[in-house]
Amino acid sequence: MKLLRTIKPPFRCDGQPSSRSRRRAAAGFTLAEIMIALTVFLFVIGGMVCIQIFGLRVQTLAQSKLLVTTYGRQTLNAMRDQIRASQQVYVGTFTNSTFTQVATGLPQIGNALQIFTTTNSSSTNFVVFYDDPSTNEIFCYTNTPANLGVMAQYQTNYYCFQAEDYEGTVLTNYNNNPVIDVIMNFSQWEYPIGYAGGTPGNANDYYFLRTRASPRCNQ
């Protein structure tokens, strides 16, 4: 004899839901479960925000480094090409649109470099690279035609040009084919982690670029 399982209907004869249906309808999340779910959700959101902030900071750091090194390398390349193609090169100072060559007997060190494309030193066709300490920028000045342009920013050392011999000794007089040593120090603000001792300078990063070039043999 096969026994049939009786299934309790969800509704009673009077139309009211059975006790089993009432228990299912009353089921839900407890307060502890909600708090745990919210805690996990907050941890996930906090982690995503921290990752985003870290990514922005790394981007700012990389951007500042790339900008400074790019400007510096472009400036060095321009100077090197001009020096190699020149006929005469002089080291001196440049103020008020006037270049002054270092006097004979003194170390050929200065903030400016005057480059002539001809053997005539009195020619008006020349190029001057110089550092402006008031703006911490490297400028390129051409006399014919008159033009002034910024080559690099955040330059910190004033004496960035010097004439040397082939052994690296600074010259004290004019040499026909001197080796021009270009030294540039840069200071670039970057995303601060925190100021040690309240000094804003701790948020800067420093770079050093240097190159040597000499005019090619005159024909």
Protein backbone atom coordinates (compact mmCIF):
# COMPACT_ATOMS: atom_id res chain seq x y z
CA MET A 1 0.00 0.00 0.00
CA LYS A 2 1.51 3.30 -1.14
CA LEU A 3 1.34 6.20 1.28
CA LEU A 4 0.66 9.60 -0.10
CA ARG A 5 2.38 12.62 1.45
CA THR A 6 0.03 15.34 2.40
CA ILE A 7 1.02 18.87 1.53
CA LYS A 8 -0.11 21.55 3.84
CA PRO A 9 -1.72 24.32 1.79
CA PRO A 10 -0.36 27.87 2.19
CA PHE A 11 -3.82 29.13 3.01
CA ARG A 12 -6.36 27.89 5.45
CA CYS A 13 -9.95 27.26 4.63
CA ASP A 14 -10.94 30.68 5.91
CA GLY A 15 -8.57 32.41 3.40
CA GLN A 16 -5.88 33.42 5.95
CA PRO A 17 -2.21 32.46 5.28
CA SER A 18 -0.94 29.47 7.17
CA SER A 19 1.69 29.75 9.91
CA ARG A 20 4.36 28.46 7.49
CA SER A 21 3.67 31.24 4.99
CA ARG A 22 3.73 33.82 7.77
CA ARG A 23 7.17 32.61 8.84
CA ARG A 24 8.47 32.94 5.26
CA ALA A 25 7.01 36.42 4.85
CA ALA A 26 8.57 37.57 8.13
CA ALA A 27 12.09 36.30 7.18
CA GLY A 28 14.78 39.07 6.49
CA PHE A 29 18.23 40.43 7.43
CA THR A 30 19.10 40.98 10.99
CA LEU A 31 20.77 44.17 12.24
CA ALA A 32 24.09 42.40 12.69
CA GLU A 33 24.03 41.16 9.07
CA ILE A 34 23.29 44.66 7.78
CA MET A 35 26.14 46.14 9.83
CA ILE A 36 28.58 43.51 8.55
CA ALA A 37 27.50 44.12 4.95
CA LEU A 38 27.90 47.89 5.37
CA THR A 39 31.34 47.44 6.94
CA VAL A 40 32.54 45.29 4.04
CA PHE A 41 31.09 47.79 1.56
CA LEU A 42 32.89 50.69 3.27
CA PHE A 43 36.18 48.79 3.21
CA VAL A 44 35.79 48.17 -0.53
CA ILE A 45 34.96 51.82 -1.26
CA GLY A 46 37.82 53.03 0.96
CA GLY A 47 40.28 50.76 -0.84
CA MET A 48 39.14 52.03 -4.24
CA VAL A 49 39.50 55.66 -3.11
CA CYS A 50 43.00 55.00 -1.72
CA ILE A 51 44.08 53.36 -4.97
CA GLN A 52 42.74 56.30 -6.97
CA ILE A 53 44.55 58.85 -4.79
CA PHE A 54 47.77 56.85 -5.00
CA GLY A 55 47.48 56.68 -8.80
CA LEU A 56 46.98 60.45 -9.03
CA ARG A 57 50.00 61.06 -6.82
CA VAL A 58 52.21 58.76 -8.89
CA GLN A 59 51.01 60.49 -12.05
CA THR A 60 51.91 63.91 -10.61
CA LEU A 61 55.36 62.71 -9.58
CA ALA A 62 56.07 61.18 -12.97
CA GLN A 63 54.72 64.21 -14.80
CA SER A 64 56.95 66.66 -12.91
CA LYS A 65 60.04 64.52 -13.51
CA LEU A 66 59.32 64.07 -17.21
CA LEU A 67 58.63 67.77 -17.78
CA VAL A 68 61.85 68.93 -16.14
CA THR A 69 64.05 66.34 -17.83
CA THR A 70 62.37 66.99 -21.20
CA TYR A 71 62.97 70.74 -21.04
CA GLY A 72 66.52 70.19 -19.82
CA ARG A 73 67.39 67.72 -22.56
CA GLN A 74 65.86 69.93 -25.23
CA THR A 75 67.94 72.85 -23.98
CA LEU A 76 71.13 70.78 -23.90
CA ASN A 77 70.49 69.48 -27.41
CA ALA A 78 69.92 73.00 -28.74
CA MET A 79 73.09 74.30 -27.06
CA ARG A 80 75.17 71.37 -28.23
CA ASP A 81 74.04 71.79 -31.85
CA GLN A 82 74.74 75.54 -31.76
CA ILE A 83 78.19 75.06 -30.22
CA ARG A 84 79.24 72.41 -32.71
CA ALA A 85 78.12 74.54 -35.67
CA SER A 86 79.75 77.72 -34.35
CA GLN A 87 82.93 79.48 -35.38
CA GLN A 88 83.50 81.36 -32.13
CA VAL A 89 82.19 80.78 -28.60
CA TYR A 90 82.58 83.09 -25.61
CA VAL A 91 81.65 82.66 -21.95
CA GLY A 92 80.52 85.68 -19.95
CA THR A 93 77.56 87.40 -18.34
CA PHE A 94 74.37 88.70 -19.87
CA THR A 95 72.42 91.57 -18.32
CA ASN A 96 70.09 94.15 -19.83
CA SER A 97 70.38 92.55 -23.27
CA THR A 98 74.16 93.03 -23.19
CA PHE A 99 76.74 90.25 -23.26
CA THR A 100 80.05 90.85 -21.46
CA GLN A 101 82.88 88.43 -22.07
CA VAL A 102 84.98 87.26 -19.13
CA ALA A 103 88.21 89.23 -19.02
CA THR A 104 91.47 87.56 -19.93
CA GLY A 105 93.24 86.09 -16.92
CA LEU A 106 90.04 85.19 -15.10
CA PRO A 107 88.37 81.78 -15.07
CA GLN A 108 86.10 81.52 -18.08
CA ILE A 109 82.94 80.88 -16.03
CA GLY A 110 79.67 82.75 -16.37
CA ASN A 111 75.91 82.67 -16.69
CA ALA A 112 75.88 83.25 -20.46
CA LEU A 113 77.26 81.72 -23.62
CA GLN A 114 77.64 83.77 -26.83
CA ILE A 115 77.85 81.83 -30.09
CA PHE A 116 78.90 83.24 -33.47
CA THR A 117 78.29 81.42 -36.72
CA THR A 118 81.08 83.38 -38.45
CA THR A 119 84.68 84.23 -37.59
CA ASN A 120 83.74 87.90 -37.25
CA SER A 121 83.22 88.54 -33.52
CA SER A 122 81.74 91.96 -34.29
CA SER A 123 78.97 90.45 -36.36
CA THR A 124 75.39 91.05 -35.25
CA ASN A 125 74.44 87.51 -36.14
CA PHE A 126 74.87 85.64 -32.87
CA VAL A 127 72.99 83.56 -30.30
CA VAL A 128 73.19 83.94 -26.52
CA PHE A 129 72.09 81.34 -23.99
CA TYR A 130 71.89 82.74 -20.48
CA ASP A 131 70.41 82.12 -17.06
CA ASP A 132 68.11 84.72 -15.51
CA PRO A 133 68.38 84.42 -11.70
CA SER A 134 65.24 86.51 -11.16
CA THR A 135 63.04 83.92 -12.89
CA ASN A 136 65.28 80.81 -12.65
CA GLU A 137 64.92 80.27 -16.39
CA ILE A 138 67.28 79.61 -19.28
CA PHE A 139 66.71 82.01 -22.18
CA CYS A 140 67.84 81.99 -25.77
CA TYR A 141 68.48 85.45 -27.22
CA THR A 142 69.14 86.10 -30.89
CA ASN A 143 70.18 89.51 -32.16
CA THR A 144 69.34 89.04 -35.85
CA PRO A 145 66.40 88.89 -35.85
CA ALA A 146 65.79 90.07 -32.30
CA ASN A 147 64.10 87.28 -30.43
CA LEU A 148 63.92 86.02 -26.84
CA GLY A 149 62.56 82.67 -25.81
CA VAL A 150 62.44 80.48 -22.71
CA MET A 151 64.41 77.26 -23.10
CA ALA A 152 64.09 75.74 -19.61
CA GLN A 153 62.57 76.54 -16.24
CA TYR A 154 63.43 75.92 -12.58
CA GLN A 155 67.17 76.47 -13.16
CA THR A 156 68.91 77.00 -9.81
CA ASN A 157 72.66 77.49 -10.48
CA TYR A 158 73.76 80.89 -11.79
CA TYR A 159 77.15 79.94 -13.25
CA CYS A 160 76.13 77.26 -15.69
CA PHE A 161 78.75 77.74 -18.45
CA GLN A 162 82.51 77.37 -18.41
CA ALA A 163 85.24 76.99 -21.02
CA GLU A 164 87.71 74.14 -20.49
CA ASP A 165 90.57 72.48 -22.24
CA TYR A 166 90.53 68.84 -23.33
CA GLU A 167 91.56 67.74 -19.81
CA GLY A 168 88.67 69.52 -18.12
CA THR A 169 90.71 72.41 -16.68
CA VAL A 170 88.91 75.75 -16.69
CA LEU A 171 90.58 78.17 -19.07
CA THR A 172 91.73 81.65 -18.06
CA ASN A 173 92.05 83.00 -21.58
CA TYR A 174 90.41 82.52 -24.92
CA ASN A 175 91.16 79.29 -26.68
CA ASN A 176 90.38 78.80 -30.37
CA ASN A 177 88.54 75.54 -29.79
CA PRO A 178 87.55 75.37 -26.12
CA VAL A 179 85.38 72.67 -24.67
CA ILE A 180 82.18 74.24 -23.35
CA ASP A 181 80.96 72.63 -20.16
CA VAL A 182 77.22 73.18 -19.55
CA ILE A 183 75.98 72.45 -16.04
CA MET A 184 72.32 72.83 -15.13
CA ASN A 185 70.69 72.14 -11.78
CA PHE A 186 66.92 72.02 -11.62
CA SER A 187 64.50 72.22 -8.70
CA GLN A 188 60.94 71.15 -9.45
CA TRP A 189 57.98 71.15 -7.05
CA GLU A 190 56.26 67.81 -6.81
CA TYR A 191 53.31 66.33 -4.95
CA PRO A 192 54.23 66.78 -1.27
CA ILE A 193 54.09 63.81 1.06
CA GLY A 194 54.54 66.12 4.00
CA TYR A 195 56.77 68.94 5.08
CA ALA A 196 59.52 67.81 7.41
CA GLY A 197 59.85 70.52 10.02
CA GLY A 198 57.37 72.72 8.18
CA THR A 199 59.83 73.49 5.37
CA PRO A 200 58.16 73.66 1.93
CA GLY A 201 61.50 72.97 0.25
CA ASN A 202 61.19 69.33 1.24
CA ALA A 203 58.46 68.98 -1.39
CA ASN A 204 60.94 69.72 -4.23
CA ASP A 205 62.84 67.28 -6.34
CA TYR A 206 66.28 68.12 -7.73
CA TYR A 207 67.87 67.21 -11.06
CA PHE A 208 71.34 67.59 -12.50
CA LEU A 209 72.12 67.67 -16.23
CA ARG A 210 75.54 68.20 -17.75
CA THR A 211 77.08 68.06 -21.20
CA ARG A 212 80.31 69.05 -22.97
CA ALA A 213 80.68 70.20 -26.54
CA SER A 214 83.28 71.99 -28.64
CA PRO A 215 83.18 73.80 -31.98
CA ARG A 216 84.16 71.69 -34.93
CA CYS A 217 87.46 72.42 -36.61
CA ASN A 218 87.26 75.67 -38.52
CA GLN A 219 87.68 75.35 -42.25
